[in-house]
Amino acid sequence: MEKETTQTGKKKKVSKRRTGGKFYEAALTEVERLLLPEAREIEGLDEEIALLRVKFLTALKGQPENNELHLKQAGLLVKAVATRYRLSSKAEGNLLKSVREVIQSLGASLILRGK
């Protein structure tokens, strides 16, 4: 945290995000660093939820037997949706349970189809 002087002369804490901190940039590639300013402009989780959905579909098609991966991806997607729509813990749990059941039944049908 940095200090900033207010109009009244008092010092207040200012977060690095507000001042354009560069804490994580060392871990980014050059291309990622170039994309970072645009990413900072996006508000909400809609872009992230869309990306999670695309990656989830890609994994389902590319690795249909990898239920562990699908369950992890479903969990991330459910958490993002729950955060976006401020679902209660119970509603989030119910959504995750439903998604898990779909993945498990989908996996079972793919296994049966392959025999």
PDB file of N, CA and C in Angstrom:
ATOM      1  N   MET A   1       0.831  -1.177   0.000  1.00  0.00           N
ATOM      2  CA  MET A   1       0.000   0.000   0.000  1.00  0.00           C
ATOM      3  C   MET A   1       0.882   1.250   0.000  1.00  0.00           C
ATOM      4  N   GLU A   2       0.451   2.242  -0.719  1.00  0.00           N
ATOM      5  CA  GLU A   2       1.135   3.517  -0.738  1.00  0.00           C
ATOM      6  C   GLU A   2       0.289   4.546  -0.002  1.00  0.00           C
ATOM      7  N   LYS A   3       0.898   5.652   0.331  1.00  0.00           N
ATOM      8  CA  LYS A   3       0.183   6.746   1.002  1.00  0.00           C
ATOM      9  C   LYS A   3      -0.070   7.856  -0.002  1.00  0.00           C
ATOM     10  N   GLU A   4      -1.225   8.452   0.119  1.00  0.00           N
ATOM     11  CA  GLU A   4      -1.589   9.579  -0.743  1.00  0.00           C
ATOM     12  C   GLU A   4      -2.101  10.698   0.156  1.00  0.00           C
ATOM     13  N   THR A   5      -1.709  11.921  -0.139  1.00  0.00           N
ATOM     14  CA  THR A   5      -2.158  13.051   0.666  1.00  0.00           C
ATOM     15  C   THR A   5      -3.495  13.557   0.143  1.00  0.00           C
ATOM     16  N   THR A   6      -4.465  13.707   1.045  1.00  0.00           N
ATOM     17  CA  THR A   6      -5.788  14.217   0.674  1.00  0.00           C
ATOM     18  C   THR A   6      -5.769  15.731   0.703  1.00  0.00           C
ATOM     19  N   GLN A   7      -6.871  16.355   0.298  1.00  0.00           N
ATOM     20  CA  GLN A   7      -6.977  17.813   0.297  1.00  0.00           C
ATOM     21  C   GLN A   7      -6.836  18.386   1.700  1.00  0.00           C
ATOM     22  N   THR A   8      -7.216  17.616   2.712  1.00  0.00           N
ATOM     23  CA  THR A   8      -7.126  18.096   4.094  1.00  0.00           C
ATOM     24  C   THR A   8      -5.731  17.889   4.674  1.00  0.00           C
ATOM     25  N   GLY A   9      -4.828  17.310   3.900  1.00  0.00           N
ATOM     26  CA  GLY A   9      -3.469  17.100   4.364  1.00  0.00           C
ATOM     27  C   GLY A   9      -3.247  15.762   5.056  1.00  0.00           C
ATOM     28  N   LYS A  10      -4.298  14.980   5.215  1.00  0.00           N
ATOM     29  CA  LYS A  10      -4.168  13.670   5.855  1.00  0.00           C
ATOM     30  C   LYS A  10      -3.666  12.649   4.850  1.00  0.00           C
ATOM     31  N   LYS A  11      -2.959  11.645   5.372  1.00  0.00           N
ATOM     32  CA  LYS A  11      -2.467  10.561   4.528  1.00  0.00           C
ATOM     33  C   LYS A  11      -3.500   9.443   4.519  1.00  0.00           C
ATOM     34  N   LYS A  12      -3.731   8.850   3.345  1.00  0.00           N
ATOM     35  CA  LYS A  12      -4.613   7.691   3.268  1.00  0.00           C
ATOM     36  C   LYS A  12      -3.935   6.630   2.411  1.00  0.00           C
ATOM     37  N   LYS A  13      -4.315   5.364   2.651  1.00  0.00           N
ATOM     38  CA  LYS A  13      -3.736   4.247   1.900  1.00  0.00           C
ATOM     39  C   LYS A  13      -4.385   4.162   0.529  1.00  0.00           C
ATOM     40  N   VAL A  14      -3.580   3.871  -0.481  1.00  0.00           N
ATOM     41  CA  VAL A  14      -4.059   3.715  -1.849  1.00  0.00           C
ATOM     42  C   VAL A  14      -3.574   2.359  -2.339  1.00  0.00           C
ATOM     43  N   SER A  15      -4.490   1.572  -2.893  1.00  0.00           N
ATOM     44  CA  SER A  15      -4.106   0.237  -3.352  1.00  0.00           C
ATOM     45  C   SER A  15      -3.245   0.342  -4.601  1.00  0.00           C
ATOM     46  N   LYS A  16      -2.419  -0.692  -4.819  1.00  0.00           N
ATOM     47  CA  LYS A  16      -1.568  -0.740  -6.010  1.00  0.00           C
ATOM     48  C   LYS A  16      -2.405  -0.794  -7.280  1.00  0.00           C
ATOM     49  N   ARG A  17      -3.538  -1.484  -7.248  1.00  0.00           N
ATOM     50  CA  ARG A  17      -4.396  -1.593  -8.426  1.00  0.00           C
ATOM     51  C   ARG A  17      -4.796  -0.207  -8.909  1.00  0.00           C
ATOM     52  N   ARG A  18      -5.141   0.644  -7.977  1.00  0.00           N
ATOM     53  CA  ARG A  18      -5.552   2.001  -8.337  1.00  0.00           C
ATOM     54  C   ARG A  18      -4.391   2.809  -8.909  1.00  0.00           C
ATOM     55  N   THR A  19      -3.189   2.521  -8.477  1.00  0.00           N
ATOM     56  CA  THR A  19      -2.028   3.277  -8.949  1.00  0.00           C
ATOM     57  C   THR A  19      -1.303   2.564 -10.087  1.00  0.00           C
ATOM     58  N   GLY A  20      -1.884   1.449 -10.604  1.00  0.00           N
ATOM     59  CA  GLY A  20      -1.273   0.747 -11.734  1.00  0.00           C
ATOM     60  C   GLY A  20      -0.117  -0.132 -11.321  1.00  0.00           C
ATOM     61  N   GLY A  21      -0.265  -0.887 -10.250  1.00  0.00           N
ATOM     62  CA  GLY A  21       0.779  -1.775  -9.753  1.00  0.00           C
ATOM     63  C   GLY A  21       1.240  -2.779 -10.788  1.00  0.00           C
ATOM     64  N   LYS A  22       2.459  -3.234 -10.631  1.00  0.00           N
ATOM     65  CA  LYS A  22       3.054  -4.140 -11.605  1.00  0.00           C
ATOM     66  C   LYS A  22       3.496  -5.451 -10.948  1.00  0.00           C
ATOM     67  N   PHE A  23       2.867  -5.827  -9.847  1.00  0.00           N
ATOM     68  CA  PHE A  23       3.278  -6.981  -9.055  1.00  0.00           C
ATOM     69  C   PHE A  23       3.357  -8.268  -9.881  1.00  0.00           C
ATOM     70  N   TYR A  24       2.343  -8.586 -10.654  1.00  0.00           N
ATOM     71  CA  TYR A  24       2.289  -9.857 -11.380  1.00  0.00           C
ATOM     72  C   TYR A  24       2.920  -9.812 -12.766  1.00  0.00           C
ATOM     73  N   GLU A  25       3.244  -8.634 -13.238  1.00  0.00           N
ATOM     74  CA  GLU A  25       3.728  -8.520 -14.612  1.00  0.00           C
ATOM     75  C   GLU A  25       5.011  -9.298 -14.881  1.00  0.00           C
ATOM     76  N   ALA A  26       5.833  -9.514 -13.883  1.00  0.00           N
ATOM     77  CA  ALA A  26       7.075 -10.272 -14.080  1.00  0.00           C
ATOM     78  C   ALA A  26       6.798 -11.708 -14.503  1.00  0.00           C
ATOM     79  N   ALA A  27       5.627 -12.238 -14.155  1.00  0.00           N
ATOM     80  CA  ALA A  27       5.279 -13.613 -14.496  1.00  0.00           C
ATOM     81  C   ALA A  27       4.616 -13.730 -15.866  1.00  0.00           C
ATOM     82  N   LEU A  28       4.386 -12.615 -16.548  1.00  0.00           N
ATOM     83  CA  LEU A  28       3.681 -12.624 -17.821  1.00  0.00           C
ATOM     84  C   LEU A  28       4.638 -12.637 -18.999  1.00  0.00           C
ATOM     85  N   THR A  29       4.170 -13.205 -20.105  1.00  0.00           N
ATOM     86  CA  THR A  29       4.940 -13.126 -21.348  1.00  0.00           C
ATOM     87  C   THR A  29       4.765 -11.718 -21.912  1.00  0.00           C
ATOM     88  N   GLU A  30       5.531 -11.391 -22.916  1.00  0.00           N
ATOM     89  CA  GLU A  30       5.433 -10.066 -23.534  1.00  0.00           C
ATOM     90  C   GLU A  30       4.034  -9.847 -24.121  1.00  0.00           C
ATOM     91  N   VAL A  31       3.492 -10.869 -24.781  1.00  0.00           N
ATOM     92  CA  VAL A  31       2.146 -10.757 -25.355  1.00  0.00           C
ATOM     93  C   VAL A  31       1.124 -10.531 -24.247  1.00  0.00           C
ATOM     94  N   GLU A  32       1.247 -11.257 -23.141  1.00  0.00           N
ATOM     95  CA  GLU A  32       0.318 -11.089 -22.020  1.00  0.00           C
ATOM     96  C   GLU A  32       0.417  -9.691 -21.427  1.00  0.00           C
ATOM     97  N   ARG A  33       1.629  -9.157 -21.340  1.00  0.00           N
ATOM     98  CA  ARG A  33       1.796  -7.787 -20.838  1.00  0.00           C
ATOM     99  C   ARG A  33       1.098  -6.771 -21.733  1.00  0.00           C
ATOM    100  N   LEU A  34       1.141  -7.020 -23.041  1.00  0.00           N
ATOM    101  CA  LEU A  34       0.477  -6.119 -23.976  1.00  0.00           C
ATOM    102  C   LEU A  34      -1.048  -6.206 -23.849  1.00  0.00           C
ATOM    103  N   LEU A  35      -1.563  -7.373 -23.489  1.00  0.00           N
ATOM    104  CA  LEU A  35      -3.008  -7.569 -23.335  1.00  0.00           C
ATOM    105  C   LEU A  35      -3.535  -7.084 -21.984  1.00  0.00           C
ATOM    106  N   LEU A  36      -2.658  -6.947 -21.015  1.00  0.00           N
ATOM    107  CA  LEU A  36      -3.079  -6.596 -19.658  1.00  0.00           C
ATOM    108  C   LEU A  36      -3.878  -5.294 -19.559  1.00  0.00           C
ATOM    109  N   PRO A  37      -3.475  -4.197 -20.198  1.00  0.00           N
ATOM    110  CA  PRO A  37      -4.273  -2.970 -20.080  1.00  0.00           C
ATOM    111  C   PRO A  37      -5.713  -3.154 -20.566  1.00  0.00           C
ATOM    112  N   GLU A  38      -5.896  -3.895 -21.658  1.00  0.00           N
ATOM    113  CA  GLU A  38      -7.251  -4.155 -22.160  1.00  0.00           C
ATOM    114  C   GLU A  38      -8.038  -5.010 -21.164  1.00  0.00           C
ATOM    115  N   ALA A  39      -7.373  -6.012 -20.585  1.00  0.00           N
ATOM    116  CA  ALA A  39      -8.037  -6.879 -19.610  1.00  0.00           C
ATOM    117  C   ALA A  39      -8.465  -6.096 -18.373  1.00  0.00           C
ATOM    118  N   ARG A  40      -7.684  -5.102 -18.000  1.00  0.00           N
ATOM    119  CA  ARG A  40      -8.020  -4.279 -16.826  1.00  0.00           C
ATOM    120  C   ARG A  40      -9.286  -3.448 -17.049  1.00  0.00           C
ATOM    121  N   GLU A  41      -9.633  -3.201 -18.289  1.00  0.00           N
ATOM    122  CA  GLU A  41     -10.800  -2.381 -18.606  1.00  0.00           C
ATOM    123  C   GLU A  41     -12.115  -3.159 -18.514  1.00  0.00           C
ATOM    124  N   ILE A  42     -12.048  -4.487 -18.551  1.00  0.00           N
ATOM    125  CA  ILE A  42     -13.258  -5.314 -18.544  1.00  0.00           C
ATOM    126  C   ILE A  42     -13.844  -5.357 -17.140  1.00  0.00           C
ATOM    127  N   GLU A  43     -15.129  -5.087 -17.049  1.00  0.00           N
ATOM    128  CA  GLU A  43     -15.820  -5.161 -15.766  1.00  0.00           C
ATOM    129  C   GLU A  43     -16.677  -6.416 -15.733  1.00  0.00           C
ATOM    130  N   GLY A  44     -16.856  -6.983 -14.551  1.00  0.00           N
ATOM    131  CA  GLY A  44     -17.710  -8.149 -14.414  1.00  0.00           C
ATOM    132  C   GLY A  44     -16.999  -9.439 -14.800  1.00  0.00           C
ATOM    133  N   LEU A  45     -17.750 -10.506 -14.795  1.00  0.00           N
ATOM    134  CA  LEU A  45     -17.195 -11.841 -15.059  1.00  0.00           C
ATOM    135  C   LEU A  45     -17.696 -12.460 -16.361  1.00  0.00           C
ATOM    136  N   ASP A  46     -18.440 -11.717 -17.158  1.00  0.00           N
ATOM    137  CA  ASP A  46     -19.033 -12.302 -18.355  1.00  0.00           C
ATOM    138  C   ASP A  46     -17.994 -12.879 -19.311  1.00  0.00           C
ATOM    139  N   GLU A  47     -16.893 -12.172 -19.527  1.00  0.00           N
ATOM    140  CA  GLU A  47     -15.844 -12.665 -20.423  1.00  0.00           C
ATOM    141  C   GLU A  47     -15.217 -13.949 -19.869  1.00  0.00           C
ATOM    142  N   GLU A  48     -14.966 -13.979 -18.570  1.00  0.00           N
ATOM    143  CA  GLU A  48     -14.352 -15.144 -17.952  1.00  0.00           C
ATOM    144  C   GLU A  48     -15.289 -16.347 -17.999  1.00  0.00           C
ATOM    145  N   ILE A  49     -16.561 -16.112 -17.764  1.00  0.00           N
ATOM    146  CA  ILE A  49     -17.541 -17.200 -17.824  1.00  0.00           C
ATOM    147  C   ILE A  49     -17.621 -17.754 -19.247  1.00  0.00           C
ATOM    148  N   ALA A  50     -17.629 -16.873 -20.232  1.00  0.00           N
ATOM    149  CA  ALA A  50     -17.661 -17.313 -21.628  1.00  0.00           C
ATOM    150  C   ALA A  50     -16.421 -18.144 -21.959  1.00  0.00           C
ATOM    151  N   LEU A  51     -15.255 -17.691 -21.521  1.00  0.00           N
ATOM    152  CA  LEU A  51     -14.015 -18.423 -21.764  1.00  0.00           C
ATOM    153  C   LEU A  51     -14.044 -19.793 -21.084  1.00  0.00           C
ATOM    154  N   LEU A  52     -14.500 -19.840 -19.836  1.00  0.00           N
ATOM    155  CA  LEU A  52     -14.607 -21.119 -19.130  1.00  0.00           C
ATOM    156  C   LEU A  52     -15.529 -22.081 -19.877  1.00  0.00           C
ATOM    157  N   ARG A  53     -16.631 -21.569 -20.406  1.00  0.00           N
ATOM    158  CA  ARG A  53     -17.557 -22.416 -21.168  1.00  0.00           C
ATOM    159  C   ARG A  53     -16.900 -22.976 -22.418  1.00  0.00           C
ATOM    160  N   VAL A  54     -16.161 -22.132 -23.132  1.00  0.00           N
ATOM    161  CA  VAL A  54     -15.474 -22.580 -24.353  1.00  0.00           C
ATOM    162  C   VAL A  54     -14.424 -23.643 -24.020  1.00  0.00           C
ATOM    163  N   LYS A  55     -13.624 -23.382 -22.973  1.00  0.00           N
ATOM    164  CA  LYS A  55     -12.594 -24.352 -22.580  1.00  0.00           C
ATOM    165  C   LYS A  55     -13.215 -25.666 -22.112  1.00  0.00           C
ATOM    166  N   PHE A  56     -14.333 -25.571 -21.424  1.00  0.00           N
ATOM    167  CA  PHE A  56     -15.051 -26.749 -20.945  1.00  0.00           C
ATOM    168  C   PHE A  56     -15.516 -27.584 -22.133  1.00  0.00           C
ATOM    169  N   LEU A  57     -16.133 -26.950 -23.117  1.00  0.00           N
ATOM    170  CA  LEU A  57     -16.601 -27.653 -24.306  1.00  0.00           C
ATOM    171  C   LEU A  57     -15.436 -28.283 -25.071  1.00  0.00           C
ATOM    172  N   THR A  58     -14.345 -27.535 -25.202  1.00  0.00           N
ATOM    173  CA  THR A  58     -13.161 -28.046 -25.888  1.00  0.00           C
ATOM    174  C   THR A  58     -12.632 -29.301 -25.192  1.00  0.00           C
ATOM    175  N   ALA A  59     -12.580 -29.274 -23.866  1.00  0.00           N
ATOM    176  CA  ALA A  59     -12.094 -30.429 -23.110  1.00  0.00           C
ATOM    177  C   ALA A  59     -13.060 -31.609 -23.221  1.00  0.00           C
ATOM    178  N   LEU A  60     -14.352 -31.329 -23.200  1.00  0.00           N
ATOM    179  CA  LEU A  60     -15.340 -32.404 -23.348  1.00  0.00           C
ATOM    180  C   LEU A  60     -15.185 -33.112 -24.692  1.00  0.00           C
ATOM    181  N   LYS A  61     -14.929 -32.330 -25.736  1.00  0.00           N
ATOM    182  CA  LYS A  61     -14.762 -32.913 -27.069  1.00  0.00           C
ATOM    183  C   LYS A  61     -13.401 -33.594 -27.227  1.00  0.00           C
ATOM    184  N   GLY A  62     -12.357 -32.957 -26.700  1.00  0.00           N
ATOM    185  CA  GLY A  62     -11.000 -33.461 -26.892  1.00  0.00           C
ATOM    186  C   GLY A  62     -10.606 -34.585 -25.955  1.00  0.00           C
ATOM    187  N   GLN A  63     -11.155 -34.579 -24.746  1.00  0.00           N
ATOM    188  CA  GLN A  63     -10.826 -35.602 -23.751  1.00  0.00           C
ATOM    189  C   GLN A  63     -12.118 -36.081 -23.075  1.00  0.00           C
ATOM    190  N   PRO A  64     -13.008 -36.720 -23.817  1.00  0.00           N
ATOM    191  CA  PRO A  64     -14.314 -37.077 -23.263  1.00  0.00           C
ATOM    192  C   PRO A  64     -14.247 -38.016 -22.055  1.00  0.00           C
ATOM    193  N   GLU A  65     -13.173 -38.753 -21.912  1.00  0.00           N
ATOM    194  CA  GLU A  65     -13.058 -39.708 -20.804  1.00  0.00           C
ATOM    195  C   GLU A  65     -12.452 -39.103 -19.537  1.00  0.00           C
ATOM    196  N   ASN A  66     -11.980 -37.871 -19.601  1.00  0.00           N
ATOM    197  CA  ASN A  66     -11.278 -37.245 -18.476  1.00  0.00           C
ATOM    198  C   ASN A  66     -12.266 -36.565 -17.514  1.00  0.00           C
ATOM    199  N   ASN A  67     -13.014 -37.382 -16.778  1.00  0.00           N
ATOM    200  CA  ASN A  67     -14.031 -36.842 -15.865  1.00  0.00           C
ATOM    201  C   ASN A  67     -13.444 -35.959 -14.780  1.00  0.00           C
ATOM    202  N   GLU A  68     -12.244 -36.268 -14.312  1.00  0.00           N
ATOM    203  CA  GLU A  68     -11.628 -35.443 -13.261  1.00  0.00           C
ATOM    204  C   GLU A  68     -11.430 -34.012 -13.751  1.00  0.00           C
ATOM    205  N   LEU A  69     -10.920 -33.870 -14.960  1.00  0.00           N
ATOM    206  CA  LEU A  69     -10.737 -32.542 -15.551  1.00  0.00           C
ATOM    207  C   LEU A  69     -12.083 -31.831 -15.703  1.00  0.00           C
ATOM    208  N   HIS A  70     -13.089 -32.562 -16.194  1.00  0.00           N
ATOM    209  CA  HIS A  70     -14.406 -31.960 -16.420  1.00  0.00           C
ATOM    210  C   HIS A  70     -15.044 -31.507 -15.116  1.00  0.00           C
ATOM    211  N   LEU A  71     -14.869 -32.287 -14.062  1.00  0.00           N
ATOM    212  CA  LEU A  71     -15.428 -31.900 -12.766  1.00  0.00           C
ATOM    213  C   LEU A  71     -14.743 -30.648 -12.226  1.00  0.00           C
ATOM    214  N   LYS A  72     -13.432 -30.549 -12.409  1.00  0.00           N
ATOM    215  CA  LYS A  72     -12.714 -29.342 -11.977  1.00  0.00           C
ATOM    216  C   LYS A  72     -13.182 -28.125 -12.768  1.00  0.00           C
ATOM    217  N   GLN A  73     -13.312 -28.298 -14.076  1.00  0.00           N
ATOM    218  CA  GLN A  73     -13.761 -27.184 -14.910  1.00  0.00           C
ATOM    219  C   GLN A  73     -15.194 -26.782 -14.551  1.00  0.00           C
ATOM    220  N   ALA A  74     -16.032 -27.775 -14.317  1.00  0.00           N
ATOM    221  CA  ALA A  74     -17.419 -27.488 -13.932  1.00  0.00           C
ATOM    222  C   ALA A  74     -17.445 -26.720 -12.617  1.00  0.00           C
ATOM    223  N   GLY A  75     -16.600 -27.115 -11.677  1.00  0.00           N
ATOM    224  CA  GLY A  75     -16.528 -26.420 -10.397  1.00  0.00           C
ATOM    225  C   GLY A  75     -16.139 -24.964 -10.558  1.00  0.00           C
ATOM    226  N   LEU A  76     -15.144 -24.700 -11.402  1.00  0.00           N
ATOM    227  CA  LEU A  76     -14.741 -23.310 -11.665  1.00  0.00           C
ATOM    228  C   LEU A  76     -15.857 -22.517 -12.321  1.00  0.00           C
ATOM    229  N   LEU A  77     -16.522 -23.153 -13.279  1.00  0.00           N
ATOM    230  CA  LEU A  77     -17.609 -22.480 -13.976  1.00  0.00           C
ATOM    231  C   LEU A  77     -18.754 -22.159 -13.015  1.00  0.00           C
ATOM    232  N   VAL A  78     -19.106 -23.125 -12.179  1.00  0.00           N
ATOM    233  CA  VAL A  78     -20.190 -22.914 -11.219  1.00  0.00           C
ATOM    234  C   VAL A  78     -19.826 -21.791 -10.248  1.00  0.00           C
ATOM    235  N   LYS A  79     -18.595 -21.768  -9.773  1.00  0.00           N
ATOM    236  CA  LYS A  79     -18.177 -20.705  -8.851  1.00  0.00           C
ATOM    237  C   LYS A  79     -18.236 -19.334  -9.520  1.00  0.00           C
ATOM    238  N   ALA A  80     -17.812 -19.268 -10.779  1.00  0.00           N
ATOM    239  CA  ALA A  80     -17.855 -17.998 -11.499  1.00  0.00           C
ATOM    240  C   ALA A  80     -19.299 -17.537 -11.698  1.00  0.00           C
ATOM    241  N   VAL A  81     -20.176 -18.466 -12.084  1.00  0.00           N
ATOM    242  CA  VAL A  81     -21.585 -18.119 -12.282  1.00  0.00           C
ATOM    243  C   VAL A  81     -22.214 -17.715 -10.949  1.00  0.00           C
ATOM    244  N   ALA A  82     -21.889 -18.458  -9.883  1.00  0.00           N
ATOM    245  CA  ALA A  82     -22.430 -18.141  -8.558  1.00  0.00           C
ATOM    246  C   ALA A  82     -21.996 -16.748  -8.123  1.00  0.00           C
ATOM    247  N   THR A  83     -20.748 -16.409  -8.386  1.00  0.00           N
ATOM    248  CA  THR A  83     -20.244 -15.081  -8.044  1.00  0.00           C
ATOM    249  C   THR A  83     -20.932 -14.020  -8.898  1.00  0.00           C
ATOM    250  N   ARG A  84     -21.042 -14.295 -10.182  1.00  0.00           N
ATOM    251  CA  ARG A  84     -21.653 -13.330 -11.110  1.00  0.00           C
ATOM    252  C   ARG A  84     -23.089 -13.015 -10.719  1.00  0.00           C
ATOM    253  N   TYR A  85     -23.825 -14.052 -10.363  1.00  0.00           N
ATOM    254  CA  TYR A  85     -25.237 -13.857 -10.036  1.00  0.00           C
ATOM    255  C   TYR A  85     -25.508 -13.870  -8.541  1.00  0.00           C
ATOM    256  N   ARG A  86     -24.422 -13.866  -7.747  1.00  0.00           N
ATOM    257  CA  ARG A  86     -24.514 -13.829  -6.296  1.00  0.00           C
ATOM    258  C   ARG A  86     -25.459 -14.897  -5.745  1.00  0.00           C
ATOM    259  N   LEU A  87     -25.212 -16.132  -6.177  1.00  0.00           N
ATOM    260  CA  LEU A  87     -26.028 -17.245  -5.701  1.00  0.00           C
ATOM    261  C   LEU A  87     -25.697 -17.560  -4.250  1.00  0.00           C
ATOM    262  N   SER A  88     -26.658 -18.047  -3.529  1.00  0.00           N
ATOM    263  CA  SER A  88     -26.414 -18.482  -2.158  1.00  0.00           C
ATOM    264  C   SER A  88     -25.557 -19.747  -2.199  1.00  0.00           C
ATOM    265  N   SER A  89     -24.960 -20.094  -1.076  1.00  0.00           N
ATOM    266  CA  SER A  89     -24.144 -21.312  -0.994  1.00  0.00           C
ATOM    267  C   SER A  89     -24.965 -22.542  -1.368  1.00  0.00           C
ATOM    268  N   LYS A  90     -26.213 -22.569  -0.917  1.00  0.00           N
ATOM    269  CA  LYS A  90     -27.082 -23.710  -1.211  1.00  0.00           C
ATOM    270  C   LYS A  90     -27.356 -23.802  -2.716  1.00  0.00           C
ATOM    271  N   ALA A  91     -27.685 -22.672  -3.338  1.00  0.00           N
ATOM    272  CA  ALA A  91     -27.957 -22.658  -4.779  1.00  0.00           C
ATOM    273  C   ALA A  91     -26.711 -23.045  -5.565  1.00  0.00           C
ATOM    274  N   GLU A  92     -25.554 -22.571  -5.117  1.00  0.00           N
ATOM    275  CA  GLU A  92     -24.294 -22.932  -5.775  1.00  0.00           C
ATOM    276  C   GLU A  92     -24.061 -24.427  -5.668  1.00  0.00           C
ATOM    277  N   GLY A  93     -24.294 -24.996  -4.477  1.00  0.00           N
ATOM    278  CA  GLY A  93     -24.130 -26.434  -4.279  1.00  0.00           C
ATOM    279  C   GLY A  93     -25.068 -27.240  -5.152  1.00  0.00           C
ATOM    280  N   ASN A  94     -26.311 -26.790  -5.256  1.00  0.00           N
ATOM    281  CA  ASN A  94     -27.284 -27.485  -6.108  1.00  0.00           C
ATOM    282  C   ASN A  94     -26.881 -27.433  -7.573  1.00  0.00           C
ATOM    283  N   LEU A  95     -26.390 -26.276  -8.018  1.00  0.00           N
ATOM    284  CA  LEU A  95     -25.942 -26.137  -9.401  1.00  0.00           C
ATOM    285  C   LEU A  95     -24.757 -27.047  -9.680  1.00  0.00           C
ATOM    286  N   LEU A  96     -23.790 -27.076  -8.769  1.00  0.00           N
ATOM    287  CA  LEU A  96     -22.622 -27.930  -8.944  1.00  0.00           C
ATOM    288  C   LEU A  96     -23.032 -29.399  -8.969  1.00  0.00           C
ATOM    289  N   LYS A  97     -23.942 -29.786  -8.093  1.00  0.00           N
ATOM    290  CA  LYS A  97     -24.422 -31.177  -8.053  1.00  0.00           C
ATOM    291  C   LYS A  97     -25.062 -31.550  -9.387  1.00  0.00           C
ATOM    292  N   SER A  98     -25.878 -30.651  -9.933  1.00  0.00           N
ATOM    293  CA  SER A  98     -26.536 -30.914 -11.210  1.00  0.00           C
ATOM    294  C   SER A  98     -25.521 -31.058 -12.339  1.00  0.00           C
ATOM    295  N   VAL A  99     -24.537 -30.173 -12.359  1.00  0.00           N
ATOM    296  CA  VAL A  99     -23.511 -30.229 -13.408  1.00  0.00           C
ATOM    297  C   VAL A  99     -22.704 -31.517 -13.283  1.00  0.00           C
ATOM    298  N   ARG A 100     -22.350 -31.915 -12.061  1.00  0.00           N
ATOM    299  CA  ARG A 100     -21.613 -33.170 -11.855  1.00  0.00           C
ATOM    300  C   ARG A 100     -22.408 -34.363 -12.368  1.00  0.00           C
ATOM    301  N   GLU A 101     -23.703 -34.381 -12.072  1.00  0.00           N
ATOM    302  CA  GLU A 101     -24.547 -35.487 -12.530  1.00  0.00           C
ATOM    303  C   GLU A 101     -24.587 -35.558 -14.051  1.00  0.00           C
ATOM    304  N   VAL A 102     -24.657 -34.406 -14.700  1.00  0.00           N
ATOM    305  CA  VAL A 102     -24.657 -34.372 -16.164  1.00  0.00           C
ATOM    306  C   VAL A 102     -23.336 -34.915 -16.699  1.00  0.00           C
ATOM    307  N   ILE A 103     -22.222 -34.482 -16.106  1.00  0.00           N
ATOM    308  CA  ILE A 103     -20.905 -34.942 -16.565  1.00  0.00           C
ATOM    309  C   ILE A 103     -20.772 -36.447 -16.365  1.00  0.00           C
ATOM    310  N   GLN A 104     -21.188 -36.941 -15.211  1.00  0.00           N
ATOM    311  CA  GLN A 104     -21.073 -38.370 -14.941  1.00  0.00           C
ATOM    312  C   GLN A 104     -21.939 -39.189 -15.887  1.00  0.00           C
ATOM    313  N   SER A 105     -23.160 -38.733 -16.168  1.00  0.00           N
ATOM    314  CA  SER A 105     -24.015 -39.483 -17.089  1.00  0.00           C
ATOM    315  C   SER A 105     -23.491 -39.385 -18.515  1.00  0.00           C
ATOM    316  N   LEU A 106     -22.932 -38.230 -18.860  1.00  0.00           N
ATOM    317  CA  LEU A 106     -22.333 -38.062 -20.173  1.00  0.00           C
ATOM    318  C   LEU A 106     -21.141 -39.002 -20.328  1.00  0.00           C
ATOM    319  N   GLY A 107     -20.314 -39.081 -19.277  1.00  0.00           N
ATOM    320  CA  GLY A 107     -19.167 -39.979 -19.304  1.00  0.00           C
ATOM    321  C   GLY A 107     -19.594 -41.428 -19.438  1.00  0.00           C
ATOM    322  N   ALA A 108     -20.632 -41.822 -18.718  1.00  0.00           N
ATOM    323  CA  ALA A 108     -21.124 -43.187 -18.785  1.00  0.00           C
ATOM    324  C   ALA A 108     -21.639 -43.512 -20.188  1.00  0.00           C
ATOM    325  N   SER A 109     -22.365 -42.583 -20.785  1.00  0.00           N
ATOM    326  CA  SER A 109     -22.899 -42.835 -22.133  1.00  0.00           C
ATOM    327  C   SER A 109     -21.780 -42.904 -23.172  1.00  0.00           C
ATOM    328  N   LEU A 110     -20.718 -42.112 -22.989  1.00  0.00           N
ATOM    329  CA  LEU A 110     -19.583 -42.169 -23.921  1.00  0.00           C
ATOM    330  C   LEU A 110     -18.846 -43.500 -23.797  1.00  0.00           C
ATOM    331  N   ILE A 111     -18.730 -43.986 -22.565  1.00  0.00           N
ATOM    332  CA  ILE A 111     -18.062 -45.281 -22.344  1.00  0.00           C
ATOM    333  C   ILE A 111     -18.878 -46.403 -22.987  1.00  0.00           C
ATOM    334  N   LEU A 112     -20.202 -46.366 -22.791  1.00  0.00           N
ATOM    335  CA  LEU A 112     -21.067 -47.392 -23.381  1.00  0.00           C
ATOM    336  C   LEU A 112     -21.027 -47.332 -24.899  1.00  0.00           C
ATOM    337  N   ARG A 113     -20.975 -46.114 -25.444  1.00  0.00           N
ATOM    338  CA  ARG A 113     -20.933 -45.948 -26.893  1.00  0.00           C
ATOM    339  C   ARG A 113     -19.647 -46.499 -27.490  1.00  0.00           C
ATOM    340  N   GLY A 114     -18.551 -46.425 -26.706  1.00  0.00           N
ATOM    341  CA  GLY A 114     -17.256 -46.887 -27.189  1.00  0.00           C
ATOM    342  C   GLY A 114     -17.100 -48.394 -27.170  1.00  0.00           C
ATOM    343  N   LYS A 115     -17.985 -49.092 -26.492  1.00  0.00           N
ATOM    344  CA  LYS A 115     -17.891 -50.573 -26.408  1.00  0.00           C
ATOM    345  C   LYS A 115     -18.574 -51.247 -27.556  1.00  0.00           C
TER     346      LYS A 115
END
